[in-house]
Amino acid sequence: MVRNNDVSDEEAFSEVLDALEGEIAQVSGTGHTTSISLMKRLVKEEQKSRFLHEKMP
């Protein structure tokens, strides 16, 4: 994804996360702020269930 610098990481990744189906195995970024904003986004959108998925026996 290529964007101008006037879009936050959270905004840019929101589009990507919305398009994903299934479990998210890992989220990483270029720094602390990126990780914090992505986690907030995952929790806010109730996608944490895909990120912190606990497999049923």
PDB file of N, CA and C in Angstrom:
ATOM      1  N   MET A   1       0.848  -1.162   0.000  1.00  0.00           N
ATOM      2  CA  MET A   1       0.000   0.000   0.000  1.00  0.00           C
ATOM      3  C   MET A   1       0.897   1.229   0.000  1.00  0.00           C
ATOM      4  N   VAL A   2       0.598   2.176  -0.868  1.00  0.00           N
ATOM      5  CA  VAL A   2       1.349   3.427  -0.936  1.00  0.00           C
ATOM      6  C   VAL A   2       0.379   4.563  -0.646  1.00  0.00           C
ATOM      7  N   ARG A   3       0.760   5.411   0.292  1.00  0.00           N
ATOM      8  CA  ARG A   3      -0.081   6.538   0.696  1.00  0.00           C
ATOM      9  C   ARG A   3       0.769   7.777   0.878  1.00  0.00           C
ATOM     10  N   ASN A   4       0.108   8.943   0.848  1.00  0.00           N
ATOM     11  CA  ASN A   4       0.770  10.179   1.249  1.00  0.00           C
ATOM     12  C   ASN A   4       0.990  10.122   2.751  1.00  0.00           C
ATOM     13  N   ASN A   5       1.815  10.999   3.251  1.00  0.00           N
ATOM     14  CA  ASN A   5       2.129  11.010   4.678  1.00  0.00           C
ATOM     15  C   ASN A   5       1.017  11.646   5.513  1.00  0.00           C
ATOM     16  N   ASP A   6      -0.078  12.063   4.881  1.00  0.00           N
ATOM     17  CA  ASP A   6      -1.169  12.696   5.621  1.00  0.00           C
ATOM     18  C   ASP A   6      -2.204  11.691   6.132  1.00  0.00           C
ATOM     19  N   VAL A   7      -1.908  10.406   6.017  1.00  0.00           N
ATOM     20  CA  VAL A   7      -2.797   9.348   6.494  1.00  0.00           C
ATOM     21  C   VAL A   7      -2.077   8.589   7.601  1.00  0.00           C
ATOM     22  N   SER A   8      -2.758   8.426   8.736  1.00  0.00           N
ATOM     23  CA  SER A   8      -2.131   7.712   9.854  1.00  0.00           C
ATOM     24  C   SER A   8      -2.037   6.224   9.554  1.00  0.00           C
ATOM     25  N   ASP A   9      -1.167   5.548  10.290  1.00  0.00           N
ATOM     26  CA  ASP A   9      -1.043   4.094  10.148  1.00  0.00           C
ATOM     27  C   ASP A   9      -2.377   3.417  10.428  1.00  0.00           C
ATOM     28  N   GLU A  10      -3.072   3.908  11.444  1.00  0.00           N
ATOM     29  CA  GLU A  10      -4.353   3.311  11.818  1.00  0.00           C
ATOM     30  C   GLU A  10      -5.359   3.406  10.673  1.00  0.00           C
ATOM     31  N   GLU A  11      -5.420   4.567  10.032  1.00  0.00           N
ATOM     32  CA  GLU A  11      -6.342   4.735   8.906  1.00  0.00           C
ATOM     33  C   GLU A  11      -5.970   3.829   7.738  1.00  0.00           C
ATOM     34  N   ALA A  12      -4.687   3.763   7.442  1.00  0.00           N
ATOM     35  CA  ALA A  12      -4.230   2.940   6.322  1.00  0.00           C
ATOM     36  C   ALA A  12      -4.483   1.464   6.578  1.00  0.00           C
ATOM     37  N   PHE A  13      -4.179   0.997   7.769  1.00  0.00           N
ATOM     38  CA  PHE A  13      -4.359  -0.415   8.086  1.00  0.00           C
ATOM     39  C   PHE A  13      -5.823  -0.788   8.283  1.00  0.00           C
ATOM     40  N   SER A  14      -6.675   0.181   8.591  1.00  0.00           N
ATOM     41  CA  SER A  14      -8.095  -0.107   8.747  1.00  0.00           C
ATOM     42  C   SER A  14      -8.667  -0.723   7.482  1.00  0.00           C
ATOM     43  N   GLU A  15      -8.291  -0.173   6.332  1.00  0.00           N
ATOM     44  CA  GLU A  15      -8.768  -0.708   5.058  1.00  0.00           C
ATOM     45  C   GLU A  15      -8.287  -2.140   4.850  1.00  0.00           C
ATOM     46  N   VAL A  16      -7.038  -2.386   5.196  1.00  0.00           N
ATOM     47  CA  VAL A  16      -6.472  -3.728   5.036  1.00  0.00           C
ATOM     48  C   VAL A  16      -7.167  -4.709   5.977  1.00  0.00           C
ATOM     49  N   LEU A  17      -7.329  -4.330   7.243  1.00  0.00           N
ATOM     50  CA  LEU A  17      -7.969  -5.210   8.222  1.00  0.00           C
ATOM     51  C   LEU A  17      -9.414  -5.512   7.846  1.00  0.00           C
ATOM     52  N   ASP A  18     -10.112  -4.515   7.306  1.00  0.00           N
ATOM     53  CA  ASP A  18     -11.498  -4.735   6.900  1.00  0.00           C
ATOM     54  C   ASP A  18     -11.603  -5.758   5.778  1.00  0.00           C
ATOM     55  N   ALA A  19     -10.588  -5.844   4.948  1.00  0.00           N
ATOM     56  CA  ALA A  19     -10.612  -6.762   3.808  1.00  0.00           C
ATOM     57  C   ALA A  19     -10.212  -8.188   4.184  1.00  0.00           C
ATOM     58  N   LEU A  20      -9.586  -8.368   5.336  1.00  0.00           N
ATOM     59  CA  LEU A  20      -9.114  -9.692   5.737  1.00  0.00           C
ATOM     60  C   LEU A  20     -10.241 -10.563   6.259  1.00  0.00           C
ATOM     61  N   GLU A  21     -10.143 -11.826   5.949  1.00  0.00           N
ATOM     62  CA  GLU A  21     -11.053 -12.813   6.514  1.00  0.00           C
ATOM     63  C   GLU A  21     -10.206 -13.837   7.251  1.00  0.00           C
ATOM     64  N   GLY A  22     -10.729 -14.352   8.344  1.00  0.00           N
ATOM     65  CA  GLY A  22      -9.996 -15.368   9.077  1.00  0.00           C
ATOM     66  C   GLY A  22      -9.142 -14.790  10.178  1.00  0.00           C
ATOM     67  N   GLU A  23      -8.314 -15.654  10.719  1.00  0.00           N
ATOM     68  CA  GLU A  23      -7.498 -15.328  11.881  1.00  0.00           C
ATOM     69  C   GLU A  23      -6.261 -14.526  11.498  1.00  0.00           C
ATOM     70  N   ILE A  24      -5.949 -13.512  12.302  1.00  0.00           N
ATOM     71  CA  ILE A  24      -4.728 -12.729  12.125  1.00  0.00           C
ATOM     72  C   ILE A  24      -3.676 -13.342  13.026  1.00  0.00           C
ATOM     73  N   ALA A  25      -2.588 -13.816  12.438  1.00  0.00           N
ATOM     74  CA  ALA A  25      -1.551 -14.502  13.207  1.00  0.00           C
ATOM     75  C   ALA A  25      -0.598 -13.530  13.876  1.00  0.00           C
ATOM     76  N   GLN A  26      -0.319 -12.386  13.247  1.00  0.00           N
ATOM     77  CA  GLN A  26       0.657 -11.457  13.797  1.00  0.00           C
ATOM     78  C   GLN A  26       0.410 -10.066  13.248  1.00  0.00           C
ATOM     79  N   VAL A  27       0.633  -9.058  14.089  1.00  0.00           N
ATOM     80  CA  VAL A  27       0.575  -7.664  13.666  1.00  0.00           C
ATOM     81  C   VAL A  27       1.880  -7.020  14.073  1.00  0.00           C
ATOM     82  N   SER A  28       2.524  -6.340  13.143  1.00  0.00           N
ATOM     83  CA  SER A  28       3.762  -5.640  13.474  1.00  0.00           C
ATOM     84  C   SER A  28       3.799  -4.327  12.720  1.00  0.00           C
ATOM     85  N   GLY A  29       4.657  -3.439  13.169  1.00  0.00           N
ATOM     86  CA  GLY A  29       4.786  -2.137  12.535  1.00  0.00           C
ATOM     87  C   GLY A  29       6.193  -1.618  12.683  1.00  0.00           C
ATOM     88  N   THR A  30       6.358  -0.354  12.325  1.00  0.00           N
ATOM     89  CA  THR A  30       7.685   0.239  12.352  1.00  0.00           C
ATOM     90  C   THR A  30       8.049   0.816  13.712  1.00  0.00           C
ATOM     91  N   GLY A  31       7.094   0.879  14.614  1.00  0.00           N
ATOM     92  CA  GLY A  31       7.415   1.451  15.916  1.00  0.00           C
ATOM     93  C   GLY A  31       6.310   1.243  16.923  1.00  0.00           C
ATOM     94  N   HIS A  32       6.548   1.743  18.141  1.00  0.00           N
ATOM     95  CA  HIS A  32       5.628   1.581  19.265  1.00  0.00           C
ATOM     96  C   HIS A  32       4.254   2.160  18.952  1.00  0.00           C
ATOM     97  N   THR A  33       4.218   3.356  18.379  1.00  0.00           N
ATOM     98  CA  THR A  33       2.952   4.019  18.082  1.00  0.00           C
ATOM     99  C   THR A  33       2.119   3.208  17.116  1.00  0.00           C
ATOM    100  N   THR A  34       2.753   2.624  16.124  1.00  0.00           N
ATOM    101  CA  THR A  34       2.037   1.801  15.155  1.00  0.00           C
ATOM    102  C   THR A  34       1.366   0.629  15.848  1.00  0.00           C
ATOM    103  N   SER A  35       2.094  -0.063  16.696  1.00  0.00           N
ATOM    104  CA  SER A  35       1.546  -1.222  17.395  1.00  0.00           C
ATOM    105  C   SER A  35       0.385  -0.830  18.297  1.00  0.00           C
ATOM    106  N   ILE A  36       0.516   0.273  19.025  1.00  0.00           N
ATOM    107  CA  ILE A  36      -0.544   0.741  19.919  1.00  0.00           C
ATOM    108  C   ILE A  36      -1.790   1.097  19.120  1.00  0.00           C
ATOM    109  N   SER A  37      -1.636   1.851  18.038  1.00  0.00           N
ATOM    110  CA  SER A  37      -2.806   2.258  17.267  1.00  0.00           C
ATOM    111  C   SER A  37      -3.484   1.070  16.604  1.00  0.00           C
ATOM    112  N   LEU A  38      -2.708   0.089  16.170  1.00  0.00           N
ATOM    113  CA  LEU A  38      -3.304  -1.101  15.571  1.00  0.00           C
ATOM    114  C   LEU A  38      -4.065  -1.923  16.603  1.00  0.00           C
ATOM    115  N   MET A  39      -3.515  -2.071  17.796  1.00  0.00           N
ATOM    116  CA  MET A  39      -4.215  -2.817  18.842  1.00  0.00           C
ATOM    117  C   MET A  39      -5.520  -2.111  19.213  1.00  0.00           C
ATOM    118  N   LYS A  40      -5.482  -0.782  19.320  1.00  0.00           N
ATOM    119  CA  LYS A  40      -6.699  -0.032  19.618  1.00  0.00           C
ATOM    120  C   LYS A  40      -7.734  -0.267  18.530  1.00  0.00           C
ATOM    121  N   ARG A  41      -7.286  -0.278  17.302  1.00  0.00           N
ATOM    122  CA  ARG A  41      -8.190  -0.508  16.166  1.00  0.00           C
ATOM    123  C   ARG A  41      -8.802  -1.903  16.231  1.00  0.00           C
ATOM    124  N   LEU A  42      -7.978  -2.900  16.518  1.00  0.00           N
ATOM    125  CA  LEU A  42      -8.475  -4.274  16.598  1.00  0.00           C
ATOM    126  C   LEU A  42      -9.506  -4.426  17.708  1.00  0.00           C
ATOM    127  N   VAL A  43      -9.224  -3.837  18.859  1.00  0.00           N
ATOM    128  CA  VAL A  43     -10.152  -3.926  19.984  1.00  0.00           C
ATOM    129  C   VAL A  43     -11.423  -3.146  19.671  1.00  0.00           C
ATOM    130  N   LYS A  44     -11.261  -1.941  19.161  1.00  0.00           N
ATOM    131  CA  LYS A  44     -12.397  -1.078  18.867  1.00  0.00           C
ATOM    132  C   LYS A  44     -13.362  -1.733  17.886  1.00  0.00           C
ATOM    133  N   GLU A  45     -12.858  -2.386  16.904  1.00  0.00           N
ATOM    134  CA  GLU A  45     -13.686  -2.992  15.869  1.00  0.00           C
ATOM    135  C   GLU A  45     -14.084  -4.431  16.195  1.00  0.00           C
ATOM    136  N   GLU A  46     -13.814  -4.860  17.405  1.00  0.00           N
ATOM    137  CA  GLU A  46     -14.120  -6.224  17.845  1.00  0.00           C
ATOM    138  C   GLU A  46     -13.428  -7.274  16.987  1.00  0.00           C
ATOM    139  N   GLN A  47     -12.272  -6.907  16.446  1.00  0.00           N
ATOM    140  CA  GLN A  47     -11.500  -7.850  15.671  1.00  0.00           C
ATOM    141  C   GLN A  47     -10.480  -8.545  16.558  1.00  0.00           C
ATOM    142  N   LYS A  48     -10.465  -8.186  17.832  1.00  0.00           N
ATOM    143  CA  LYS A  48      -9.523  -8.824  18.738  1.00  0.00           C
ATOM    144  C   LYS A  48      -9.778 -10.324  18.813  1.00  0.00           C
ATOM    145  N   SER A  49     -11.000 -10.741  18.525  1.00  0.00           N
ATOM    146  CA  SER A  49     -11.279 -12.176  18.557  1.00  0.00           C
ATOM    147  C   SER A  49     -10.470 -12.912  17.492  1.00  0.00           C
ATOM    148  N   ARG A  50     -10.170 -12.243  16.370  1.00  0.00           N
ATOM    149  CA  ARG A  50      -9.329 -12.862  15.348  1.00  0.00           C
ATOM    150  C   ARG A  50      -7.860 -12.788  15.753  1.00  0.00           C
ATOM    151  N   PHE A  51      -7.471 -11.711  16.439  1.00  0.00           N
ATOM    152  CA  PHE A  51      -6.072 -11.520  16.819  1.00  0.00           C
ATOM    153  C   PHE A  51      -5.701 -12.381  18.020  1.00  0.00           C
ATOM    154  N   LEU A  52      -6.593 -12.485  18.980  1.00  0.00           N
ATOM    155  CA  LEU A  52      -6.328 -13.224  20.217  1.00  0.00           C
ATOM    156  C   LEU A  52      -7.124 -14.526  20.262  1.00  0.00           C
ATOM    157  N   HIS A  53      -7.371 -15.088  19.127  1.00  0.00           N
ATOM    158  CA  HIS A  53      -8.223 -16.273  19.000  1.00  0.00           C
ATOM    159  C   HIS A  53      -7.700 -17.439  19.835  1.00  0.00           C
ATOM    160  N   GLU A  54      -8.593 -18.002  20.621  1.00  0.00           N
ATOM    161  CA  GLU A  54      -8.259 -19.204  21.385  1.00  0.00           C
ATOM    162  C   GLU A  54      -8.925 -20.378  20.691  1.00  0.00           C
ATOM    163  N   LYS A  55      -8.133 -21.320  20.279  1.00  0.00           N
ATOM    164  CA  LYS A  55      -8.681 -22.472  19.570  1.00  0.00           C
ATOM    165  C   LYS A  55      -9.405 -23.388  20.542  1.00  0.00           C
ATOM    166  N   MET A  56     -10.556 -23.822  20.123  1.00  0.00           N
ATOM    167  CA  MET A  56     -11.354 -24.746  20.925  1.00  0.00           C
ATOM    168  C   MET A  56     -10.782 -26.149  20.776  1.00  0.00           C
ATOM    169  N   PRO A  57     -10.814 -26.939  21.856  1.00  0.00           N
ATOM    170  CA  PRO A  57     -10.286 -28.310  21.756  1.00  0.00           C
ATOM    171  C   PRO A  57     -11.147 -29.195  20.868  1.00  0.00           C
TER     172      PRO A  57
END
